[in-house]
Structures are given as C-alpha cells and as structure tokens.
C-alpha cells in the first residue's frame, strides 16, 4: 500500500467515481477512486496531492 506523496490529475469523472492519472507516470493505469474520498470541488484536470490516505487539491 502506497501512502504517498503522489501527484495525480483528474483524468475523467464518471458518476460517483473519478479516474486519476499519476503525474510523471503517464504509462501507469488510471486509478479509479470513489468521489466521496476526494474534495467535492474537483473537476476534470484538477491536480491532487495524495499523502497518508488523504487527497487534497494542489495549490497553483
């Protein structure tokens, strides 16, 4: 189990799930995550920071 830190970009939102692309590792398969575990204001293209089993939006 990976506790991070890992950067992700929201590649796609599909209903109650979001598909995340790992930053810097585009060949990696998209990670499917329940939207309930993510910040509610995410949109496609949002950059996320994952660490210690928590996702937060990266500041620009």
C-alpha atoms as a PDB file:
ATOM      1  CA  UNK A   1       0.000   0.000   0.000  1.00  0.00           C
ATOM      2  CA  UNK A   2       1.372   3.384  -1.012  1.00  0.00           C
ATOM      3  CA  UNK A   3       0.869   6.267   1.407  1.00  0.00           C
ATOM      4  CA  UNK A   4       2.456   8.893  -0.841  1.00  0.00           C
ATOM      5  CA  UNK A   5       3.177  11.594  -1.501  1.00  0.00           C
ATOM      6  CA  UNK A   6       1.918  11.160  -5.054  1.00  0.00           C
ATOM      7  CA  UNK A   7       0.603  13.739  -7.503  1.00  0.00           C
ATOM      8  CA  UNK A   8      -2.466  12.958  -9.597  1.00  0.00           C
ATOM      9  CA  UNK A   9      -4.533  14.726 -12.230  1.00  0.00           C
ATOM     10  CA  UNK A  10      -8.264  14.040 -12.511  1.00  0.00           C
ATOM     11  CA  UNK A  11      -8.434  12.498 -15.979  1.00  0.00           C
ATOM     12  CA  UNK A  12     -12.147  11.686 -16.038  1.00  0.00           C
ATOM     13  CA  UNK A  13     -15.218  11.898 -13.821  1.00  0.00           C
ATOM     14  CA  UNK A  14     -17.835   9.194 -14.292  1.00  0.00           C
ATOM     15  CA  UNK A  15     -20.777   9.421 -11.892  1.00  0.00           C
ATOM     16  CA  UNK A  16     -19.645   8.535  -8.378  1.00  0.00           C
ATOM     17  CA  UNK A  17     -16.069   7.788  -9.475  1.00  0.00           C
ATOM     18  CA  UNK A  18     -13.070   9.751 -10.672  1.00  0.00           C
ATOM     19  CA  UNK A  19     -10.209   8.323 -12.685  1.00  0.00           C
ATOM     20  CA  UNK A  20      -6.820   9.690 -11.691  1.00  0.00           C
ATOM     21  CA  UNK A  21      -3.633   9.800 -13.753  1.00  0.00           C
ATOM     22  CA  UNK A  22      -0.393   9.717 -11.813  1.00  0.00           C
ATOM     23  CA  UNK A  23       1.699  12.820 -12.564  1.00  0.00           C
ATOM     24  CA  UNK A  24       5.029  11.966 -14.146  1.00  0.00           C
ATOM     25  CA  UNK A  25       3.974   8.386 -14.887  1.00  0.00           C
ATOM     26  CA  UNK A  26       1.580   8.552 -17.865  1.00  0.00           C
ATOM     27  CA  UNK A  27       2.017   4.855 -18.727  1.00  0.00           C
ATOM     28  CA  UNK A  28       0.509   3.900 -15.357  1.00  0.00           C
ATOM     29  CA  UNK A  29      -3.101   2.685 -15.488  1.00  0.00           C
ATOM     30  CA  UNK A  30      -5.738   5.187 -14.339  1.00  0.00           C
ATOM     31  CA  UNK A  31      -6.672   4.833 -10.680  1.00  0.00           C
ATOM     32  CA  UNK A  32     -10.427   4.630 -10.003  1.00  0.00           C
ATOM     33  CA  UNK A  33     -11.385   6.432  -6.780  1.00  0.00           C
ATOM     34  CA  UNK A  34     -14.814   6.995  -5.234  1.00  0.00           C
ATOM     35  CA  UNK A  35     -15.641  10.702  -5.397  1.00  0.00           C
ATOM     36  CA  UNK A  36     -16.683  10.570  -1.743  1.00  0.00           C
ATOM     37  CA  UNK A  37     -12.960  10.240  -0.914  1.00  0.00           C
ATOM     38  CA  UNK A  38     -11.998  13.312  -2.949  1.00  0.00           C
ATOM     39  CA  UNK A  39     -12.546  17.044  -2.391  1.00  0.00           C
ATOM     40  CA  UNK A  40     -16.074  17.869  -3.615  1.00  0.00           C
ATOM     41  CA  UNK A  41     -14.957  20.760  -5.850  1.00  0.00           C
ATOM     42  CA  UNK A  42     -12.806  18.648  -8.206  1.00  0.00           C
ATOM     43  CA  UNK A  43     -13.279  18.865 -11.968  1.00  0.00           C
ATOM     44  CA  UNK A  44     -11.505  17.144 -14.832  1.00  0.00           C
ATOM     45  CA  UNK A  45      -7.957  18.479 -14.930  1.00  0.00           C
ATOM     46  CA  UNK A  46      -7.755  19.215 -11.194  1.00  0.00           C
ATOM     47  CA  UNK A  47      -4.342  18.393  -9.712  1.00  0.00           C
ATOM     48  CA  UNK A  48      -4.426  16.406  -6.484  1.00  0.00           C
ATOM     49  CA  UNK A  49      -1.847  15.634  -3.825  1.00  0.00           C
ATOM     50  CA  UNK A  50      -2.172  12.244  -2.133  1.00  0.00           C
ATOM     51  CA  UNK A  51      -0.452  11.524   1.152  1.00  0.00           C
ATOM     52  CA  UNK A  52      -1.275   9.385   4.176  1.00  0.00           C
ATOM     53  CA  UNK A  53      -4.510   8.127   2.580  1.00  0.00           C
ATOM     54  CA  UNK A  54      -5.837  11.669   2.013  1.00  0.00           C
ATOM     55  CA  UNK A  55      -6.403  13.625  -1.210  1.00  0.00           C
ATOM     56  CA  UNK A  56      -6.229  17.401  -1.374  1.00  0.00           C
ATOM     57  CA  UNK A  57      -6.228  19.897  -4.212  1.00  0.00           C
ATOM     58  CA  UNK A  58      -2.753  21.179  -5.077  1.00  0.00           C
ATOM     59  CA  UNK A  59      -2.304  24.924  -4.893  1.00  0.00           C
ATOM     60  CA  UNK A  60      -1.253  26.542  -8.178  1.00  0.00           C
END
